[in-house]
Structure formats: structure tokens, C-alpha cells
Amino acid sequence: RLTISRDNAQNTVYLQMNSLKPEDTAVYYCAAEP
């Protein structure tokens, strides 16, 4: 249902969320580490 991708040229990461369910309700955070 969810797909993660990144575009380093845009310095951005995406999370495509499809077929969402009530159980997906939350605060969503992104995080980075080398």
C-alpha cells in the first residue's frame, strides 16, 4: 500500500500512500542518518 522513494537531486524523500485505512491514522515523521 505504501511506497517509499527518493530524489537526491531534489533533496527529498517521498512516501506514496494508497488504499489508506483508519489504522494508518498517525503523525508521520521522516528521519535521516548516515
PDB file of all heavy atoms in Angstrom:
ATOM      1  N   ARG A   1       0.811  -1.218   0.000  1.00  0.00           N
ATOM      2  CA  ARG A   1       0.000   0.000   0.000  1.00  0.00           C
ATOM      3  C   ARG A   1       0.845   1.268   0.000  1.00  0.00           C
ATOM      4  O   ARG A   1       0.418   2.286  -0.538  1.00  0.00           O
ATOM      5  CB  ARG A   1      -0.934   0.016   1.208  1.00  0.00           C
ATOM      6  CG  ARG A   1      -1.896  -1.164   1.252  1.00  0.00           C
ATOM      7  CD  ARG A   1      -2.922  -1.023   2.379  1.00  0.00           C
ATOM      8  NE  ARG A   1      -2.289  -0.982   3.692  1.00  0.00           N
ATOM      9  CZ  ARG A   1      -2.285   0.082   4.487  1.00  0.00           C
ATOM     10  NH1 ARG A   1      -2.895   1.197   4.104  1.00  0.00           N
ATOM     11  NH2 ARG A   1      -1.703   0.027   5.675  1.00  0.00           N
ATOM     12  N   LEU A   2       1.996   1.212   0.621  1.00  0.00           N
ATOM     13  CA  LEU A   2       2.877   2.371   0.711  1.00  0.00           C
ATOM     14  C   LEU A   2       4.156   2.108  -0.069  1.00  0.00           C
ATOM     15  O   LEU A   2       4.669   0.985  -0.084  1.00  0.00           O
ATOM     16  CB  LEU A   2       3.209   2.689   2.164  1.00  0.00           C
ATOM     17  CG  LEU A   2       2.225   3.576   2.937  1.00  0.00           C
ATOM     18  CD1 LEU A   2       0.839   2.942   3.016  1.00  0.00           C
ATOM     19  CD2 LEU A   2       2.757   3.857   4.328  1.00  0.00           C
ATOM     20  N   THR A   3       4.660   3.159  -0.697  1.00  0.00           N
ATOM     21  CA  THR A   3       5.879   3.065  -1.477  1.00  0.00           C
ATOM     22  C   THR A   3       6.791   4.235  -1.143  1.00  0.00           C
ATOM     23  O   THR A   3       6.382   5.391  -1.228  1.00  0.00           O
ATOM     24  CB  THR A   3       5.590   3.069  -2.985  1.00  0.00           C
ATOM     25  OG1 THR A   3       4.704   1.991  -3.314  1.00  0.00           O
ATOM     26  CG2 THR A   3       6.882   2.894  -3.773  1.00  0.00           C
ATOM     27  N   ILE A   4       8.014   3.923  -0.772  1.00  0.00           N
ATOM     28  CA  ILE A   4       8.993   4.952  -0.466  1.00  0.00           C
ATOM     29  C   ILE A   4       9.902   5.157  -1.672  1.00  0.00           C
ATOM     30  O   ILE A   4      10.228   4.205  -2.388  1.00  0.00           O
ATOM     31  CB  ILE A   4       9.812   4.587   0.787  1.00  0.00           C
ATOM     32  CG1 ILE A   4      10.646   5.775   1.268  1.00  0.00           C
ATOM     33  CG2 ILE A   4      10.693   3.365   0.537  1.00  0.00           C
ATOM     34  CD1 ILE A   4      11.295   5.547   2.626  1.00  0.00           C
ATOM     35  N   SER A   5      10.294   6.385  -1.898  1.00  0.00           N
ATOM     36  CA  SER A   5      11.202   6.702  -2.985  1.00  0.00           C
ATOM     37  C   SER A   5      12.004   7.942  -2.614  1.00  0.00           C
ATOM     38  O   SER A   5      11.660   8.655  -1.666  1.00  0.00           O
ATOM     39  CB  SER A   5      10.448   6.914  -4.301  1.00  0.00           C
ATOM     40  OG  SER A   5       9.566   8.021  -4.203  1.00  0.00           O
ATOM     41  N   ARG A   6      13.057   8.186  -3.356  1.00  0.00           N
ATOM     42  CA  ARG A   6      13.859   9.368  -3.084  1.00  0.00           C
ATOM     43  C   ARG A   6      14.340   9.988  -4.377  1.00  0.00           C
ATOM     44  O   ARG A   6      14.553   9.307  -5.381  1.00  0.00           O
ATOM     45  CB  ARG A   6      15.046   9.038  -2.167  1.00  0.00           C
ATOM     46  CG  ARG A   6      16.105   8.124  -2.767  1.00  0.00           C
ATOM     47  CD  ARG A   6      17.119   7.706  -1.696  1.00  0.00           C
ATOM     48  NE  ARG A   6      17.794   8.857  -1.116  1.00  0.00           N
ATOM     49  CZ  ARG A   6      18.351   8.870   0.099  1.00  0.00           C
ATOM     50  NH1 ARG A   6      18.288   7.782   0.864  1.00  0.00           N
ATOM     51  NH2 ARG A   6      18.951   9.972   0.537  1.00  0.00           N
ATOM     52  N   ASP A   7      14.517  11.289  -4.317  1.00  0.00           N
ATOM     53  CA  ASP A   7      15.057  12.055  -5.422  1.00  0.00           C
ATOM     54  C   ASP A   7      16.172  12.908  -4.838  1.00  0.00           C
ATOM     55  O   ASP A   7      15.929  13.994  -4.318  1.00  0.00           O
ATOM     56  CB  ASP A   7      13.987  12.916  -6.078  1.00  0.00           C
ATOM     57  CG  ASP A   7      14.471  13.608  -7.338  1.00  0.00           C
ATOM     58  OD1 ASP A   7      15.704  13.713  -7.534  1.00  0.00           O
ATOM     59  OD2 ASP A   7      13.622  14.051  -8.135  1.00  0.00           O
ATOM     60  N   ASN A   8      17.382  12.393  -4.908  1.00  0.00           N
ATOM     61  CA  ASN A   8      18.504  13.097  -4.295  1.00  0.00           C
ATOM     62  C   ASN A   8      18.760  14.446  -4.944  1.00  0.00           C
ATOM     63  O   ASN A   8      19.235  15.377  -4.287  1.00  0.00           O
ATOM     64  CB  ASN A   8      19.767  12.232  -4.353  1.00  0.00           C
ATOM     65  CG  ASN A   8      19.743  11.094  -3.353  1.00  0.00           C
ATOM     66  OD1 ASN A   8      18.855  11.009  -2.510  1.00  0.00           O
ATOM     67  ND2 ASN A   8      20.719  10.212  -3.451  1.00  0.00           N
ATOM     68  N   ALA A   9      18.454  14.563  -6.228  1.00  0.00           N
ATOM     69  CA  ALA A   9      18.627  15.837  -6.903  1.00  0.00           C
ATOM     70  C   ALA A   9      17.729  16.915  -6.301  1.00  0.00           C
ATOM     71  O   ALA A   9      18.081  18.093  -6.299  1.00  0.00           O
ATOM     72  CB  ALA A   9      18.361  15.697  -8.394  1.00  0.00           C
ATOM     73  N   GLN A  10      16.566  16.505  -5.809  1.00  0.00           N
ATOM     74  CA  GLN A  10      15.646  17.424  -5.158  1.00  0.00           C
ATOM     75  C   GLN A  10      15.803  17.431  -3.644  1.00  0.00           C
ATOM     76  O   GLN A  10      15.085  18.156  -2.948  1.00  0.00           O
ATOM     77  CB  GLN A  10      14.201  17.069  -5.520  1.00  0.00           C
ATOM     78  CG  GLN A  10      13.880  17.216  -6.997  1.00  0.00           C
ATOM     79  CD  GLN A  10      13.961  18.651  -7.454  1.00  0.00           C
ATOM     80  OE1 GLN A  10      13.517  19.568  -6.759  1.00  0.00           O
ATOM     81  NE2 GLN A  10      14.540  18.868  -8.624  1.00  0.00           N
ATOM     82  N   ASN A  11      16.706  16.602  -3.142  1.00  0.00           N
ATOM     83  CA  ASN A  11      16.952  16.520  -1.705  1.00  0.00           C
ATOM     84  C   ASN A  11      15.666  16.188  -0.948  1.00  0.00           C
ATOM     85  O   ASN A  11      15.404  16.729   0.130  1.00  0.00           O
ATOM     86  CB  ASN A  11      17.552  17.827  -1.176  1.00  0.00           C
ATOM     87  CG  ASN A  11      18.627  17.602  -0.134  1.00  0.00           C
ATOM     88  OD1 ASN A  11      19.259  16.545  -0.075  1.00  0.00           O
ATOM     89  ND2 ASN A  11      18.854  18.605   0.706  1.00  0.00           N
ATOM     90  N   THR A  12      14.892  15.284  -1.510  1.00  0.00           N
ATOM     91  CA  THR A  12      13.571  14.974  -0.988  1.00  0.00           C
ATOM     92  C   THR A  12      13.308  13.476  -1.048  1.00  0.00           C
ATOM     93  O   THR A  12      13.728  12.798  -1.986  1.00  0.00           O
ATOM     94  CB  THR A  12      12.485  15.715  -1.783  1.00  0.00           C
ATOM     95  OG1 THR A  12      12.730  17.128  -1.730  1.00  0.00           O
ATOM     96  CG2 THR A  12      11.104  15.440  -1.213  1.00  0.00           C
ATOM     97  N   VAL A  13      12.612  12.984  -0.038  1.00  0.00           N
ATOM     98  CA  VAL A  13      12.145  11.607   0.014  1.00  0.00           C
ATOM     99  C   VAL A  13      10.628  11.630   0.071  1.00  0.00           C
ATOM    100  O   VAL A  13      10.035  12.506   0.714  1.00  0.00           O
ATOM    101  CB  VAL A  13      12.735  10.864   1.222  1.00  0.00           C
ATOM    102  CG1 VAL A  13      12.150   9.462   1.327  1.00  0.00           C
ATOM    103  CG2 VAL A  13      14.247  10.791   1.105  1.00  0.00           C
ATOM    104  N   TYR A  14      10.009  10.667  -0.578  1.00  0.00           N
ATOM    105  CA  TYR A  14       8.555  10.625  -0.669  1.00  0.00           C
ATOM    106  C   TYR A  14       8.012   9.331  -0.079  1.00  0.00           C
ATOM    107  O   TYR A  14       8.684   8.303  -0.041  1.00  0.00           O
ATOM    108  CB  TYR A  14       8.100  10.728  -2.126  1.00  0.00           C
ATOM    109  CG  TYR A  14       8.617  11.950  -2.835  1.00  0.00           C
ATOM    110  CD1 TYR A  14       9.764  11.882  -3.618  1.00  0.00           C
ATOM    111  CD2 TYR A  14       7.962  13.170  -2.719  1.00  0.00           C
ATOM    112  CE1 TYR A  14      10.247  13.002  -4.266  1.00  0.00           C
ATOM    113  CE2 TYR A  14       8.440  14.292  -3.362  1.00  0.00           C
ATOM    114  CZ  TYR A  14       9.583  14.204  -4.140  1.00  0.00           C
ATOM    115  OH  TYR A  14      10.060  15.326  -4.784  1.00  0.00           O
ATOM    116  N   LEU A  15       6.784   9.404   0.358  1.00  0.00           N
ATOM    117  CA  LEU A  15       6.051   8.224   0.789  1.00  0.00           C
ATOM    118  C   LEU A  15       4.675   8.275   0.135  1.00  0.00           C
ATOM    119  O   LEU A  15       3.814   9.056   0.556  1.00  0.00           O
ATOM    120  CB  LEU A  15       5.918   8.154   2.310  1.00  0.00           C
ATOM    121  CG  LEU A  15       5.273   6.884   2.859  1.00  0.00           C
ATOM    122  CD1 LEU A  15       6.176   5.671   2.592  1.00  0.00           C
ATOM    123  CD2 LEU A  15       4.995   7.010   4.349  1.00  0.00           C
ATOM    124  N   GLN A  16       4.492   7.477  -0.906  1.00  0.00           N
ATOM    125  CA  GLN A  16       3.203   7.377  -1.564  1.00  0.00           C
ATOM    126  C   GLN A  16       2.330   6.415  -0.773  1.00  0.00           C
ATOM    127  O   GLN A  16       2.701   5.258  -0.568  1.00  0.00           O
ATOM    128  CB  GLN A  16       3.369   6.891  -3.002  1.00  0.00           C
ATOM    129  CG  GLN A  16       2.055   6.749  -3.768  1.00  0.00           C
ATOM    130  CD  GLN A  16       1.378   8.077  -3.996  1.00  0.00           C
ATOM    131  OE1 GLN A  16       2.008   9.041  -4.410  1.00  0.00           O
ATOM    132  NE2 GLN A  16       0.083   8.133  -3.715  1.00  0.00           N
ATOM    133  N   MET A  17       1.177   6.880  -0.352  1.00  0.00           N
ATOM    134  CA  MET A  17       0.284   6.116   0.500  1.00  0.00           C
ATOM    135  C   MET A  17      -1.023   5.877  -0.245  1.00  0.00           C
ATOM    136  O   MET A  17      -1.760   6.819  -0.528  1.00  0.00           O
ATOM    137  CB  MET A  17       0.028   6.850   1.816  1.00  0.00           C
ATOM    138  CG  MET A  17       1.298   7.336   2.511  1.00  0.00           C
ATOM    139  SD  MET A  17       0.973   8.409   3.932  1.00  0.00           S
ATOM    140  CE  MET A  17       0.278   7.233   5.084  1.00  0.00           C
ATOM    141  N   ASN A  18      -1.302   4.625  -0.548  1.00  0.00           N
ATOM    142  CA  ASN A  18      -2.518   4.232  -1.242  1.00  0.00           C
ATOM    143  C   ASN A  18      -3.340   3.292  -0.372  1.00  0.00           C
ATOM    144  O   ASN A  18      -2.832   2.684   0.564  1.00  0.00           O
ATOM    145  CB  ASN A  18      -2.183   3.547  -2.572  1.00  0.00           C
ATOM    146  CG  ASN A  18      -1.431   4.431  -3.528  1.00  0.00           C
ATOM    147  OD1 ASN A  18      -1.638   5.656  -3.568  1.00  0.00           O
ATOM    148  ND2 ASN A  18      -0.561   3.833  -4.331  1.00  0.00           N
ATOM    149  N   SER A  19      -4.608   3.168  -0.719  1.00  0.00           N
ATOM    150  CA  SER A  19      -5.515   2.261  -0.005  1.00  0.00           C
ATOM    151  C   SER A  19      -5.443   2.468   1.498  1.00  0.00           C
ATOM    152  O   SER A  19      -5.333   1.520   2.274  1.00  0.00           O
ATOM    153  CB  SER A  19      -5.193   0.805  -0.367  1.00  0.00           C
ATOM    154  OG  SER A  19      -5.299   0.588  -1.756  1.00  0.00           O
ATOM    155  N   LEU A  20      -5.519   3.702   1.901  1.00  0.00           N
ATOM    156  CA  LEU A  20      -5.343   4.030   3.305  1.00  0.00           C
ATOM    157  C   LEU A  20      -6.475   3.493   4.164  1.00  0.00           C
ATOM    158  O   LEU A  20      -7.631   3.434   3.734  1.00  0.00           O
ATOM    159  CB  LEU A  20      -5.222   5.538   3.478  1.00  0.00           C
ATOM    160  CG  LEU A  20      -3.875   6.119   3.028  1.00  0.00           C
ATOM    161  CD1 LEU A  20      -3.953   7.634   2.910  1.00  0.00           C
ATOM    162  CD2 LEU A  20      -2.774   5.719   4.005  1.00  0.00           C
ATOM    163  N   LYS A  21      -6.113   3.111   5.372  1.00  0.00           N
ATOM    164  CA  LYS A  21      -7.035   2.552   6.339  1.00  0.00           C
ATOM    165  C   LYS A  21      -7.085   3.435   7.573  1.00  0.00           C
ATOM    166  O   LYS A  21      -6.137   4.165   7.854  1.00  0.00           O
ATOM    167  CB  LYS A  21      -6.599   1.141   6.741  1.00  0.00           C
ATOM    168  CG  LYS A  21      -6.437   0.174   5.591  1.00  0.00           C
ATOM    169  CD  LYS A  21      -5.897  -1.161   6.093  1.00  0.00           C
ATOM    170  CE  LYS A  21      -5.725  -2.143   4.961  1.00  0.00           C
ATOM    171  NZ  LYS A  21      -5.179  -3.445   5.450  1.00  0.00           N
ATOM    172  N   PRO A  22      -8.171   3.363   8.344  1.00  0.00           N
ATOM    173  CA  PRO A  22      -8.216   4.130   9.591  1.00  0.00           C
ATOM    174  C   PRO A  22      -7.038   3.830  10.509  1.00  0.00           C
ATOM    175  O   PRO A  22      -6.592   4.724  11.237  1.00  0.00           O
ATOM    176  CB  PRO A  22      -9.543   3.699  10.221  1.00  0.00           C
ATOM    177  CG  PRO A  22     -10.401   3.339   9.059  1.00  0.00           C
ATOM    178  CD  PRO A  22      -9.463   2.702   8.068  1.00  0.00           C
ATOM    179  N   GLU A  23      -6.527   2.615  10.475  1.00  0.00           N
ATOM    180  CA  GLU A  23      -5.391   2.248  11.297  1.00  0.00           C
ATOM    181  C   GLU A  23      -4.116   2.991  10.918  1.00  0.00           C
ATOM    182  O   GLU A  23      -3.147   2.981  11.672  1.00  0.00           O
ATOM    183  CB  GLU A  23      -5.125   0.737  11.211  1.00  0.00           C
ATOM    184  CG  GLU A  23      -6.327  -0.118  11.551  1.00  0.00           C
ATOM    185  CD  GLU A  23      -7.131  -0.483  10.316  1.00  0.00           C
ATOM    186  OE1 GLU A  23      -8.014   0.317   9.941  1.00  0.00           O
ATOM    187  OE2 GLU A  23      -6.892  -1.569   9.744  1.00  0.00           O
ATOM    188  N   ASP A  24      -4.101   3.631   9.758  1.00  0.00           N
ATOM    189  CA  ASP A  24      -2.947   4.408   9.329  1.00  0.00           C
ATOM    190  C   ASP A  24      -2.922   5.805   9.945  1.00  0.00           C
ATOM    191  O   ASP A  24      -1.952   6.541   9.747  1.00  0.00           O
ATOM    192  CB  ASP A  24      -2.917   4.538   7.807  1.00  0.00           C
ATOM    193  CG  ASP A  24      -2.747   3.200   7.114  1.00  0.00           C
ATOM    194  OD1 ASP A  24      -1.924   2.385   7.575  1.00  0.00           O
ATOM    195  OD2 ASP A  24      -3.447   2.969   6.102  1.00  0.00           O
ATOM    196  N   THR A  25      -3.968   6.174  10.647  1.00  0.00           N
ATOM    197  CA  THR A  25      -4.038   7.490  11.259  1.00  0.00           C
ATOM    198  C   THR A  25      -2.928   7.663  12.288  1.00  0.00           C
ATOM    199  O   THR A  25      -2.806   6.874  13.223  1.00  0.00           O
ATOM    200  CB  THR A  25      -5.398   7.710  11.921  1.00  0.00           C
ATOM    201  OG1 THR A  25      -6.432   7.683  10.923  1.00  0.00           O
ATOM    202  CG2 THR A  25      -5.442   9.053  12.638  1.00  0.00           C
ATOM    203  N   ALA A  26      -2.119   8.693  12.107  1.00  0.00           N
ATOM    204  CA  ALA A  26      -0.986   8.935  12.989  1.00  0.00           C
ATOM    205  C   ALA A  26      -0.268  10.195  12.526  1.00  0.00           C
ATOM    206  O   ALA A  26      -0.564  10.743  11.458  1.00  0.00           O
ATOM    207  CB  ALA A  26      -0.016   7.753  12.978  1.00  0.00           C
ATOM    208  N   VAL A  27       0.659  10.644  13.342  1.00  0.00           N
ATOM    209  CA  VAL A  27       1.608  11.650  12.908  1.00  0.00           C
ATOM    210  C   VAL A  27       2.772  10.923  12.259  1.00  0.00           C
ATOM    211  O   VAL A  27       3.348  10.008  12.853  1.00  0.00           O
ATOM    212  CB  VAL A  27       2.105  12.522  14.074  1.00  0.00           C
ATOM    213  CG1 VAL A  27       3.156  13.513  13.594  1.00  0.00           C
ATOM    214  CG2 VAL A  27       0.939  13.264  14.715  1.00  0.00           C
ATOM    215  N   TYR A  28       3.109  11.329  11.061  1.00  0.00           N
ATOM    216  CA  TYR A  28       4.169  10.683  10.305  1.00  0.00           C
ATOM    217  C   TYR A  28       5.424  11.546  10.334  1.00  0.00           C
ATOM    218  O   TYR A  28       5.379  12.742  10.054  1.00  0.00           O
ATOM    219  CB  TYR A  28       3.734  10.431   8.862  1.00  0.00           C
ATOM    220  CG  TYR A  28       2.802   9.260   8.726  1.00  0.00           C
ATOM    221  CD1 TYR A  28       1.497   9.330   9.190  1.00  0.00           C
ATOM    222  CD2 TYR A  28       3.235   8.062   8.152  1.00  0.00           C
ATOM    223  CE1 TYR A  28       0.641   8.248   9.091  1.00  0.00           C
ATOM    224  CE2 TYR A  28       2.389   6.979   8.042  1.00  0.00           C
ATOM    225  CZ  TYR A  28       1.094   7.071   8.510  1.00  0.00           C
ATOM    226  OH  TYR A  28       0.250   5.990   8.399  1.00  0.00           O
ATOM    227  N   TYR A  29       6.529  10.911  10.666  1.00  0.00           N
ATOM    228  CA  TYR A  29       7.810  11.582  10.767  1.00  0.00           C
ATOM    229  C   TYR A  29       8.802  10.974   9.780  1.00  0.00           C
ATOM    230  O   TYR A  29       8.796   9.768   9.563  1.00  0.00           O
ATOM    231  CB  TYR A  29       8.413  11.439  12.169  1.00  0.00           C
ATOM    232  CG  TYR A  29       7.565  11.953  13.300  1.00  0.00           C
ATOM    233  CD1 TYR A  29       6.622  11.142  13.908  1.00  0.00           C
ATOM    234  CD2 TYR A  29       7.728  13.249  13.770  1.00  0.00           C
ATOM    235  CE1 TYR A  29       5.849  11.606  14.961  1.00  0.00           C
ATOM    236  CE2 TYR A  29       6.964  13.718  14.817  1.00  0.00           C
ATOM    237  CZ  TYR A  29       6.022  12.891  15.410  1.00  0.00           C
ATOM    238  OH  TYR A  29       5.265  13.356  16.454  1.00  0.00           O
ATOM    239  N   CYS A  30       9.641  11.813   9.225  1.00  0.00           N
ATOM    240  CA  CYS A  30      10.782  11.300   8.494  1.00  0.00           C
ATOM    241  C   CYS A  30      12.036  11.532   9.319  1.00  0.00           C
ATOM    242  O   CYS A  30      12.098  12.424  10.164  1.00  0.00           O
ATOM    243  CB  CYS A  30      10.919  11.926   7.100  1.00  0.00           C
ATOM    244  SG  CYS A  30      11.324  13.679   7.063  1.00  0.00           S
ATOM    245  N   ALA A  31      13.023  10.699   9.094  1.00  0.00           N
ATOM    246  CA  ALA A  31      14.264  10.763   9.844  1.00  0.00           C
ATOM    247  C   ALA A  31      15.416  10.358   8.943  1.00  0.00           C
ATOM    248  O   ALA A  31      15.236   9.608   7.986  1.00  0.00           O
ATOM    249  CB  ALA A  31      14.206   9.856  11.077  1.00  0.00           C
ATOM    250  N   ALA A  32      16.599  10.860   9.267  1.00  0.00           N
ATOM    251  CA  ALA A  32      17.773  10.622   8.441  1.00  0.00           C
ATOM    252  C   ALA A  32      18.970  10.261   9.298  1.00  0.00           C
ATOM    253  O   ALA A  32      19.141  10.791  10.392  1.00  0.00           O
ATOM    254  CB  ALA A  32      18.100  11.854   7.596  1.00  0.00           C
ATOM    255  N   GLU A  33      19.781   9.355   8.804  1.00  0.00           N
ATOM    256  CA  GLU A  33      21.045   9.044   9.450  1.00  0.00           C
ATOM    257  C   GLU A  33      22.049   8.533   8.424  1.00  0.00           C
ATOM    258  O   GLU A  33      21.679   7.822   7.491  1.00  0.00           O
ATOM    259  CB  GLU A  33      20.876   8.019  10.567  1.00  0.00           C
ATOM    260  CG  GLU A  33      20.499   6.636  10.104  1.00  0.00           C
ATOM    261  CD  GLU A  33      20.551   5.616  11.222  1.00  0.00           C
ATOM    262  OE1 GLU A  33      21.288   5.839  12.207  1.00  0.00           O
ATOM    263  OE2 GLU A  33      19.847   4.586  11.123  1.00  0.00           O
ATOM    264  N   PRO A  34      23.315   8.898   8.601  1.00  0.00           N
ATOM    265  CA  PRO A  34      24.331   8.362   7.703  1.00  0.00           C
ATOM    266  C   PRO A  34      24.671   6.937   8.100  1.00  0.00           C
ATOM    267  O   PRO A  34      24.781   6.618   9.285  1.00  0.00           O
ATOM    268  CB  PRO A  34      25.516   9.313   7.913  1.00  0.00           C
ATOM    269  CG  PRO A  34      25.361   9.787   9.317  1.00  0.00           C
ATOM    270  CD  PRO A  34      23.878   9.866   9.561  1.00  0.00           C
TER     271      PRO A  34
END
